[in-house]
Amino acid sequence: MRKITPFFLSLILSLSAAAQGEQASSSLMRSHLKMYVVVAVLVIIFAGITLFLFSLERRLKKLEDNSK
């Protein structure tokens, strides 16, 4: 019962939040295209982190091969 109660509570809260519809702030952001800027920045950050992790993996693999 303890695990089910938070689930139903979050379900009810999410349904009430979805029922509110589009707010003025979201239409304002869309009208100024700021939402696209935020998405672009997030994509650039994600791509940078991905490239960093791939280069780090390549360096580690090279070091492991040299140590064998």
N, C-alpha and C. Protein backbone atom coordinates (compact mmCIF):
# COMPACT_ATOMS: atom_id res chain seq x y z
N MET A 1 0.81 -1.20 0.00
CA MET A 1 0.00 0.00 0.00
C MET A 1 0.86 1.26 0.00
N ARG A 2 2.03 1.19 0.65
CA ARG A 2 2.89 2.38 0.71
C ARG A 2 3.45 2.74 -0.66
N LYS A 3 3.65 1.76 -1.52
CA LYS A 3 4.19 2.03 -2.85
C LYS A 3 3.11 2.48 -3.82
N ILE A 4 1.89 2.08 -3.58
CA ILE A 4 0.81 2.41 -4.50
C ILE A 4 0.31 3.84 -4.29
N THR A 5 0.29 4.31 -3.07
CA THR A 5 -0.23 5.65 -2.77
C THR A 5 0.53 6.76 -3.48
N PRO A 6 1.88 6.80 -3.45
CA PRO A 6 2.57 7.87 -4.20
C PRO A 6 2.35 7.78 -5.71
N PHE A 7 2.19 6.55 -6.21
CA PHE A 7 1.93 6.40 -7.64
C PHE A 7 0.62 7.06 -8.02
N PHE A 8 -0.45 6.76 -7.28
CA PHE A 8 -1.74 7.36 -7.59
C PHE A 8 -1.75 8.86 -7.35
N LEU A 9 -1.05 9.31 -6.35
CA LEU A 9 -0.96 10.74 -6.08
C LEU A 9 -0.26 11.46 -7.24
N SER A 10 0.83 10.90 -7.72
CA SER A 10 1.52 11.53 -8.86
C SER A 10 0.69 11.46 -10.13
N LEU A 11 -0.07 10.38 -10.28
CA LEU A 11 -0.94 10.26 -11.45
C LEU A 11 -2.03 11.33 -11.43
N ILE A 12 -2.62 11.55 -10.29
CA ILE A 12 -3.67 12.56 -10.17
C ILE A 12 -3.10 13.96 -10.41
N LEU A 13 -1.92 14.23 -9.84
CA LEU A 13 -1.31 15.54 -10.03
C LEU A 13 -0.92 15.79 -11.48
N SER A 14 -0.43 14.76 -12.16
CA SER A 14 -0.05 14.95 -13.56
C SER A 14 -1.28 15.16 -14.43
N LEU A 15 -2.37 14.50 -14.11
CA LEU A 15 -3.60 14.71 -14.88
C LEU A 15 -4.15 16.12 -14.67
N SER A 16 -4.05 16.61 -13.47
CA SER A 16 -4.55 17.97 -13.23
C SER A 16 -3.65 19.00 -13.91
N ALA A 17 -2.36 18.72 -13.98
CA ALA A 17 -1.45 19.63 -14.67
C ALA A 17 -1.70 19.61 -16.17
N ALA A 18 -2.01 18.44 -16.72
CA ALA A 18 -2.27 18.33 -18.15
C ALA A 18 -3.59 18.99 -18.53
N ALA A 19 -4.52 19.04 -17.60
CA ALA A 19 -5.84 19.61 -17.89
C ALA A 19 -5.81 21.13 -17.97
N GLN A 20 -4.72 21.74 -17.58
CA GLN A 20 -4.66 23.19 -17.54
C GLN A 20 -4.48 23.80 -18.92
N GLY A 21 -3.99 23.04 -19.86
CA GLY A 21 -3.85 23.54 -21.22
C GLY A 21 -2.61 24.39 -21.39
N GLU A 22 -2.57 25.09 -22.50
CA GLU A 22 -1.42 25.92 -22.82
C GLU A 22 -1.46 27.21 -22.01
N GLN A 23 -0.35 27.53 -21.41
CA GLN A 23 -0.28 28.74 -20.60
C GLN A 23 0.26 29.88 -21.43
N ALA A 24 0.11 31.06 -20.92
CA ALA A 24 0.56 32.26 -21.64
C ALA A 24 2.08 32.29 -21.75
N SER A 25 2.78 31.77 -20.74
CA SER A 25 4.24 31.81 -20.78
C SER A 25 4.80 30.92 -21.88
N SER A 26 4.16 29.76 -22.12
CA SER A 26 4.67 28.89 -23.17
C SER A 26 4.42 29.49 -24.55
N SER A 27 3.29 30.14 -24.73
CA SER A 27 3.03 30.79 -26.03
C SER A 27 3.96 31.98 -26.22
N LEU A 28 4.31 32.65 -25.13
CA LEU A 28 5.23 33.76 -25.21
C LEU A 28 6.62 33.28 -25.64
N MET A 29 7.07 32.15 -25.06
CA MET A 29 8.37 31.62 -25.44
C MET A 29 8.38 31.18 -26.90
N ARG A 30 7.27 30.59 -27.35
CA ARG A 30 7.20 30.17 -28.74
C ARG A 30 7.19 31.36 -29.68
N SER A 31 6.57 32.41 -29.27
CA SER A 31 6.48 33.57 -30.15
C SER A 31 7.84 34.23 -30.31
N HIS A 32 8.68 34.14 -29.31
CA HIS A 32 10.00 34.74 -29.41
C HIS A 32 11.08 33.75 -29.83
N LEU A 33 10.68 32.55 -30.14
CA LEU A 33 11.58 31.48 -30.59
C LEU A 33 12.65 31.14 -29.56
N LYS A 34 12.42 31.47 -28.30
CA LYS A 34 13.40 31.16 -27.27
C LYS A 34 13.45 29.66 -27.01
N MET A 35 12.34 28.99 -27.22
CA MET A 35 12.30 27.56 -27.00
C MET A 35 13.28 26.85 -27.93
N TYR A 36 13.36 27.29 -29.16
CA TYR A 36 14.27 26.68 -30.12
C TYR A 36 15.73 26.95 -29.74
N VAL A 37 15.99 28.08 -29.18
CA VAL A 37 17.34 28.40 -28.73
C VAL A 37 17.73 27.48 -27.57
N VAL A 38 16.82 27.25 -26.66
CA VAL A 38 17.09 26.37 -25.53
C VAL A 38 17.34 24.95 -26.02
N VAL A 39 16.52 24.49 -26.96
CA VAL A 39 16.70 23.14 -27.51
C VAL A 39 18.04 23.05 -28.23
N ALA A 40 18.41 24.06 -28.97
CA ALA A 40 19.68 24.05 -29.69
C ALA A 40 20.86 24.01 -28.72
N VAL A 41 20.78 24.77 -27.64
CA VAL A 41 21.86 24.76 -26.65
C VAL A 41 21.97 23.39 -25.99
N LEU A 42 20.82 22.79 -25.67
CA LEU A 42 20.85 21.45 -25.07
C LEU A 42 21.44 20.41 -26.01
N VAL A 43 21.12 20.51 -27.29
CA VAL A 43 21.68 19.58 -28.28
C VAL A 43 23.18 19.77 -28.39
N ILE A 44 23.65 21.00 -28.38
CA ILE A 44 25.09 21.27 -28.46
C ILE A 44 25.80 20.73 -27.23
N ILE A 45 25.21 20.91 -26.06
CA ILE A 45 25.82 20.40 -24.83
C ILE A 45 25.86 18.88 -24.86
N PHE A 46 24.77 18.25 -25.27
CA PHE A 46 24.73 16.79 -25.34
C PHE A 46 25.75 16.26 -26.35
N ALA A 47 25.88 16.92 -27.49
CA ALA A 47 26.86 16.49 -28.49
C ALA A 47 28.28 16.65 -27.96
N GLY A 48 28.54 17.73 -27.24
CA GLY A 48 29.87 17.93 -26.66
C GLY A 48 30.22 16.86 -25.64
N ILE A 49 29.27 16.54 -24.78
CA ILE A 49 29.51 15.49 -23.79
C ILE A 49 29.72 14.14 -24.47
N THR A 50 28.94 13.86 -25.49
CA THR A 50 29.09 12.60 -26.23
C THR A 50 30.45 12.51 -26.89
N LEU A 51 30.88 13.56 -27.56
CA LEU A 51 32.19 13.56 -28.20
C LEU A 51 33.31 13.41 -27.18
N PHE A 52 33.17 14.07 -26.04
CA PHE A 52 34.17 13.95 -24.99
C PHE A 52 34.27 12.51 -24.48
N LEU A 53 33.12 11.87 -24.27
CA LEU A 53 33.13 10.50 -23.77
C LEU A 53 33.72 9.53 -24.79
N PHE A 54 33.44 9.74 -26.07
CA PHE A 54 34.03 8.87 -27.09
C PHE A 54 35.54 9.06 -27.17
N SER A 55 36.00 10.29 -27.09
CA SER A 55 37.45 10.51 -27.14
C SER A 55 38.12 9.95 -25.89
N LEU A 56 37.47 10.06 -24.75
CA LEU A 56 38.01 9.49 -23.51
C LEU A 56 38.08 7.98 -23.58
N GLU A 57 37.05 7.37 -24.16
CA GLU A 57 37.04 5.92 -24.32
C GLU A 57 38.17 5.48 -25.25
N ARG A 58 38.40 6.23 -26.32
CA ARG A 58 39.47 5.89 -27.26
C ARG A 58 40.84 5.98 -26.57
N ARG A 59 41.03 7.02 -25.76
CA ARG A 59 42.31 7.16 -25.03
C ARG A 59 42.51 6.03 -24.03
N LEU A 60 41.45 5.67 -23.32
CA LEU A 60 41.56 4.59 -22.35
C LEU A 60 41.87 3.26 -23.03
N LYS A 61 41.23 3.03 -24.16
CA LYS A 61 41.49 1.79 -24.90
C LYS A 61 42.94 1.74 -25.37
N LYS A 62 43.46 2.88 -25.83
CA LYS A 62 44.85 2.95 -26.27
C LYS A 62 45.80 2.67 -25.10
N LEU A 63 45.51 3.24 -23.93
CA LEU A 63 46.35 3.00 -22.75
C LEU A 63 46.27 1.54 -22.31
N GLU A 64 45.10 0.93 -22.37
CA GLU A 64 44.96 -0.48 -22.00
C GLU A 64 45.75 -1.36 -22.96
N ASP A 65 45.71 -1.05 -24.25
CA ASP A 65 46.46 -1.84 -25.22
C ASP A 65 47.96 -1.71 -25.01
N ASN A 66 48.43 -0.52 -24.65
CA ASN A 66 49.85 -0.30 -24.41
C ASN A 66 50.34 -1.00 -23.15
N SER A 67 49.46 -1.14 -22.15
CA SER A 67 49.87 -1.76 -20.89
C SER A 67 49.92 -3.28 -20.99
N LYS A 68 49.31 -3.87 -22.00
CA LYS A 68 49.32 -5.34 -22.14
C LYS A 68 50.59 -5.85 -22.70
